[in-house]
Amino acid sequence: MSTERRRIFAFSGVLKPQPGGPPPETLLHYAISLAPANGPVRKVCLIPTAVGDRQDAIDHFAGLLAGRGDVEFSFLQLFTQPNVPDVRAHLLGQDVILVCGGSVVNLVAVWRAHGLPEILRECWEAGVVLAGWSAGSLCWHTGGPTDSFRDSLDPFTGGLAFLPYSNGAHDDLDDQPRRTAFRGLIANGTLPAGYATEDGTGLLYAGTELVEAVTILPGRHAWHITPDGSGGYAEQAIIPRLITADQG
């Protein structure tokens, strides 16, 4: 692994869990494992802005991590005002920041109103692992296709752009609208070249360099999509490393 301290793990959650399959939270445990163990616990903060700071979402993830004695869990709510007295100090004190899926458009708009992009960039530069799924994956990139505006897919180009690529989540063969939209937006120049992940698959960046793709679902892929210079696109499959629950 590169000595670059800045880490982003951007992934697609599992929309269709398989009976008897790996627990989807394996990806969360992998994200947490990326933070150096500098003490007896890793501090992990959930930011559920993309789902409107719903308490049930917070409770769900608190429950998933409750059995880990090596994790100190917290959350940052921004509705109706921040639930911590100093947002910057709280986030800089974390080892891992987890960002929920949901509406990426609303997520970024609320973050900008509260000055979070600058704070999160400072966290990233300081070595705090930034991680998230779906909307929490797109947000670190320049943008990607989203259904935040309506049921149909539209381009979102207002990402934080810590990573200078576009991003597609849930890029599965059985979800042709999302997969096709992402490639079409790159082909016509609306989005720059980027990376997509199928369900249960994630991308690990060190700095702005992609260093690894991982998955919890056998047979899934990540993809690198680029414009081909003639109004179309080219794609290259990235074979991810399979991780299991005991490796997260």
Protein backbone atom coordinates (compact mmCIF):
# COMPACT_ATOMS: atom_id res chain seq x y z
CA MET A 1 0.00 0.00 0.00
CA SER A 2 1.18 3.52 -0.78
CA THR A 3 2.46 5.63 2.11
CA GLU A 4 -0.01 8.33 1.00
CA ARG A 5 -2.04 9.06 4.12
CA ARG A 6 -5.17 10.35 2.37
CA ARG A 7 -7.69 7.54 1.97
CA ILE A 8 -11.15 7.44 0.39
CA PHE A 9 -13.21 4.27 0.15
CA ALA A 10 -16.18 4.76 -2.20
CA PHE A 11 -18.55 1.84 -2.67
CA SER A 12 -21.93 0.58 -3.75
CA GLY A 13 -24.01 -0.86 -0.97
CA VAL A 14 -25.87 -4.10 -1.49
CA LEU A 15 -29.35 -3.31 -2.82
CA LYS A 16 -30.38 -6.96 -3.04
CA PRO A 17 -28.87 -8.97 -0.16
CA GLN A 18 -28.48 -12.64 -0.99
CA PRO A 19 -29.91 -15.24 1.41
CA GLY A 20 -26.95 -16.80 3.12
CA GLY A 21 -24.63 -14.29 1.45
CA PRO A 22 -22.03 -12.13 3.13
CA PRO A 23 -23.37 -9.45 5.49
CA PRO A 24 -23.44 -6.06 3.72
CA GLU A 25 -21.78 -4.45 6.74
CA THR A 26 -18.57 -6.26 5.76
CA LEU A 27 -17.86 -3.20 3.62
CA LEU A 28 -18.21 -0.95 6.66
CA HIS A 29 -15.77 -3.09 8.60
CA TYR A 30 -13.33 -2.94 5.68
CA ALA A 31 -13.60 0.86 5.67
CA ILE A 32 -12.87 0.96 9.41
CA SER A 33 -9.89 -1.35 8.98
CA LEU A 34 -8.25 1.24 6.71
CA ALA A 35 -7.64 3.57 9.65
CA PRO A 36 -4.40 3.01 11.54
CA ALA A 37 -4.99 1.51 14.98
CA ASN A 38 -3.31 4.26 16.99
CA GLY A 39 -5.10 3.34 20.21
CA PRO A 40 -7.49 0.81 21.72
CA VAL A 41 -10.43 2.11 19.67
CA ARG A 42 -11.03 3.67 16.29
CA LYS A 43 -13.35 6.66 16.33
CA VAL A 44 -16.03 6.34 13.64
CA CYS A 45 -18.52 9.10 12.79
CA LEU A 46 -21.62 8.54 10.65
CA ILE A 47 -22.92 11.49 8.60
CA PRO A 48 -26.53 10.69 7.57
CA THR A 49 -27.31 13.97 5.77
CA ALA A 50 -28.34 12.19 2.56
CA VAL A 51 -31.31 10.60 4.35
CA GLY A 52 -32.28 13.77 6.19
CA ASP A 53 -30.52 12.75 9.41
CA ARG A 54 -33.17 10.10 10.10
CA GLN A 55 -32.86 8.61 13.55
CA ASP A 56 -33.67 5.11 12.31
CA ALA A 57 -30.65 5.25 10.00
CA ILE A 58 -28.42 6.31 12.86
CA ASP A 59 -29.82 3.56 15.09
CA HIS A 60 -29.31 0.97 12.35
CA PHE A 61 -25.62 1.68 11.92
CA ALA A 62 -25.05 2.09 15.63
CA GLY A 63 -26.49 -1.41 15.98
CA LEU A 64 -24.22 -2.81 13.27
CA LEU A 65 -21.15 -1.54 15.12
CA ALA A 66 -22.39 -2.14 18.66
CA GLY A 67 -20.58 -5.47 18.98
CA ARG A 68 -17.19 -3.99 18.18
CA GLY A 69 -15.35 -3.07 21.33
CA ASP A 70 -12.64 -1.43 19.24
CA VAL A 71 -14.98 1.20 17.75
CA GLU A 72 -16.21 4.42 19.33
CA PHE A 73 -19.31 5.37 17.33
CA SER A 74 -20.71 8.87 16.92
CA PHE A 75 -22.83 10.71 14.37
CA LEU A 76 -23.16 14.20 12.97
CA GLN A 77 -26.66 15.55 12.42
CA LEU A 78 -27.14 18.90 10.70
CA PHE A 79 -30.95 19.12 11.03
CA THR A 80 -32.17 21.33 12.56
CA GLN A 81 -28.72 22.42 13.73
CA PRO A 82 -25.48 20.51 14.32
CA ASN A 83 -25.71 18.12 17.25
CA VAL A 84 -22.09 18.77 18.29
CA PRO A 85 -20.80 22.15 19.50
CA ASP A 86 -17.78 22.24 17.16
CA VAL A 87 -18.24 20.34 13.88
CA ARG A 88 -14.66 20.85 12.73
CA ALA A 89 -13.13 19.64 15.99
CA HIS A 90 -15.45 16.63 16.12
CA LEU A 91 -14.69 15.48 12.59
CA LEU A 92 -10.95 16.09 12.86
CA GLY A 93 -11.01 13.91 15.97
CA GLN A 94 -12.29 10.89 14.04
CA ASP A 95 -10.40 8.03 12.45
CA VAL A 96 -13.15 7.18 9.93
CA ILE A 97 -16.06 9.20 8.54
CA LEU A 98 -18.92 7.18 7.02
CA VAL A 99 -21.41 8.89 4.69
CA CYS A 100 -24.86 7.41 4.07
CA GLY A 101 -26.47 6.83 0.71
CA GLY A 102 -29.58 8.80 -0.23
CA SER A 103 -29.87 12.13 -2.04
CA VAL A 104 -26.45 13.31 -3.18
CA VAL A 105 -27.92 16.63 -4.34
CA ASN A 106 -29.41 17.44 -0.94
CA LEU A 107 -26.32 16.06 0.81
CA VAL A 108 -23.91 18.42 -0.92
CA ALA A 109 -26.24 21.43 -0.69
CA VAL A 110 -26.60 21.08 3.09
CA TRP A 111 -22.89 20.40 3.51
CA ARG A 112 -22.00 23.57 1.62
CA ALA A 113 -24.38 25.61 3.75
CA HIS A 114 -22.53 24.38 6.85
CA GLY A 115 -18.99 24.64 5.46
CA LEU A 116 -18.41 20.88 5.49
CA PRO A 117 -16.52 20.59 2.18
CA GLU A 118 -13.61 22.59 3.58
CA ILE A 119 -13.71 20.69 6.88
CA LEU A 120 -13.84 17.31 5.17
CA ARG A 121 -10.94 18.23 2.91
CA GLU A 122 -8.97 19.15 6.03
CA CYS A 123 -9.90 15.78 7.55
CA TRP A 124 -8.78 13.97 4.38
CA GLU A 125 -5.46 15.83 4.35
CA ALA A 126 -4.99 14.94 8.04
CA GLY A 127 -5.39 11.21 7.35
CA VAL A 128 -8.99 10.65 8.44
CA VAL A 129 -10.45 7.88 6.24
CA LEU A 130 -13.42 9.16 4.22
CA ALA A 131 -15.88 6.46 3.19
CA GLY A 132 -19.42 6.17 1.91
CA TRP A 133 -21.83 4.30 -0.26
CA SER A 134 -24.09 5.36 -3.15
CA ALA A 135 -24.56 9.12 -2.56
CA GLY A 136 -21.72 8.81 -0.05
CA SER A 137 -19.59 7.45 -2.89
CA LEU A 138 -20.54 10.01 -5.55
CA CYS A 139 -19.93 12.97 -3.25
CA TRP A 140 -16.12 12.62 -3.19
CA HIS A 141 -15.97 12.60 -7.00
CA THR A 142 -16.88 15.29 -9.55
CA GLY A 143 -20.35 13.79 -9.97
CA GLY A 144 -22.34 11.01 -11.57
CA PRO A 145 -25.87 9.98 -12.51
CA THR A 146 -28.50 10.53 -9.82
CA ASP A 147 -32.21 10.11 -9.22
CA SER A 148 -32.14 12.87 -6.57
CA PHE A 149 -34.16 15.23 -8.79
CA ARG A 150 -36.81 12.76 -10.03
CA ASP A 151 -37.36 9.08 -10.79
CA SER A 152 -35.37 9.38 -14.03
CA LEU A 153 -31.59 9.73 -13.95
CA ASP A 154 -29.99 13.15 -14.38
CA PRO A 155 -26.38 14.28 -14.30
CA PHE A 156 -25.01 15.55 -11.00
CA THR A 157 -21.88 17.63 -11.49
CA GLY A 158 -21.58 19.33 -8.11
CA GLY A 159 -19.49 16.79 -6.22
CA LEU A 160 -16.68 17.81 -3.87
CA ALA A 161 -14.15 16.68 -6.50
CA PHE A 162 -11.54 15.51 -4.02
CA LEU A 163 -11.22 12.78 -6.65
CA PRO A 164 -11.02 14.19 -10.22
CA TYR A 165 -13.24 11.49 -11.73
CA SER A 166 -16.91 10.83 -12.17
CA ASN A 167 -18.51 7.95 -10.30
CA GLY A 168 -21.29 5.47 -10.94
CA ALA A 169 -22.86 3.39 -8.16
CA HIS A 170 -24.93 0.20 -8.51
CA ASP A 171 -23.51 -0.25 -12.00
CA ASP A 172 -24.98 -3.72 -12.46
CA LEU A 173 -26.02 -5.50 -15.63
CA ASP A 174 -29.55 -5.90 -14.24
CA ASP A 175 -29.82 -2.12 -13.69
CA GLN A 176 -29.41 -0.97 -17.28
CA PRO A 177 -30.76 2.60 -16.82
CA ARG A 178 -28.07 3.57 -14.29
CA ARG A 179 -25.31 1.74 -16.10
CA THR A 180 -26.29 3.12 -19.49
CA ALA A 181 -26.78 6.66 -18.20
CA PHE A 182 -23.30 6.78 -16.68
CA ARG A 183 -21.63 5.71 -19.89
CA GLY A 184 -23.75 8.05 -21.99
CA LEU A 185 -22.88 11.06 -19.82
CA ILE A 186 -19.17 10.29 -20.21
CA ALA A 187 -19.54 9.74 -23.95
CA ASN A 188 -21.22 13.13 -24.50
CA GLY A 189 -18.80 15.00 -22.26
CA THR A 190 -21.24 15.89 -19.48
CA LEU A 191 -19.10 13.90 -17.04
CA PRO A 192 -15.35 13.29 -17.15
CA ALA A 193 -13.86 9.82 -17.27
CA GLY A 194 -14.57 7.87 -14.13
CA TYR A 195 -15.06 4.70 -12.18
CA ALA A 196 -18.18 2.65 -11.51
CA THR A 197 -18.91 -0.10 -9.01
CA GLU A 198 -21.39 -2.93 -9.10
CA ASP A 199 -23.33 -3.82 -5.95
CA GLY A 200 -21.16 -4.83 -3.01
CA THR A 201 -18.03 -3.44 -4.67
CA GLY A 202 -15.82 -0.53 -3.65
CA LEU A 203 -12.88 1.57 -4.75
CA LEU A 204 -9.98 2.45 -2.47
CA TYR A 205 -8.06 5.59 -3.36
CA ALA A 206 -4.75 6.70 -1.86
CA GLY A 207 -4.64 10.40 -2.59
CA THR A 208 -6.29 10.58 -6.00
CA GLU A 209 -4.88 7.27 -7.24
CA LEU A 210 -7.05 4.16 -7.38
CA VAL A 211 -5.07 1.45 -5.62
CA GLU A 212 -7.57 -1.34 -5.10
CA ALA A 213 -11.09 -2.52 -5.84
CA VAL A 214 -12.74 -4.94 -3.40
CA THR A 215 -16.05 -6.79 -3.34
CA ILE A 216 -18.06 -8.98 -1.01
CA LEU A 217 -20.02 -10.56 -3.90
CA PRO A 218 -18.24 -13.06 -6.16
CA GLY A 219 -18.34 -12.23 -9.85
CA ARG A 220 -18.91 -8.49 -9.42
CA HIS A 221 -16.70 -5.85 -11.03
CA ALA A 222 -15.61 -2.26 -10.97
CA TRP A 223 -15.25 -0.36 -14.24
CA HIS A 224 -13.09 2.40 -15.66
CA ILE A 225 -15.00 4.34 -18.32
CA THR A 226 -13.42 6.92 -20.62
CA PRO A 227 -14.63 8.88 -23.66
CA ASP A 228 -13.33 7.34 -26.88
CA GLY A 229 -12.88 10.62 -28.73
CA SER A 230 -15.59 9.95 -31.29
CA GLY A 231 -18.75 10.46 -29.26
CA GLY A 232 -18.70 7.06 -27.61
CA TYR A 233 -16.96 5.48 -24.64
CA ALA A 234 -14.47 2.77 -23.81
CA GLU A 235 -14.67 0.65 -20.68
CA GLN A 236 -12.21 -1.56 -18.86
CA ALA A 237 -13.26 -4.09 -16.25
CA ILE A 238 -11.42 -4.01 -12.93
CA ILE A 239 -11.41 -7.36 -11.16
CA PRO A 240 -11.84 -6.68 -7.44
CA ARG A 241 -10.34 -8.57 -4.56
CA LEU A 242 -12.92 -10.68 -2.74
CA ILE A 243 -13.15 -9.91 0.97
CA THR A 244 -15.02 -11.85 3.61
CA ALA A 245 -16.61 -10.93 6.91
CA ASP A 246 -13.50 -11.88 8.90
CA GLN A 247 -11.32 -9.65 6.70
CA GLY A 248 -13.39 -6.50 7.15
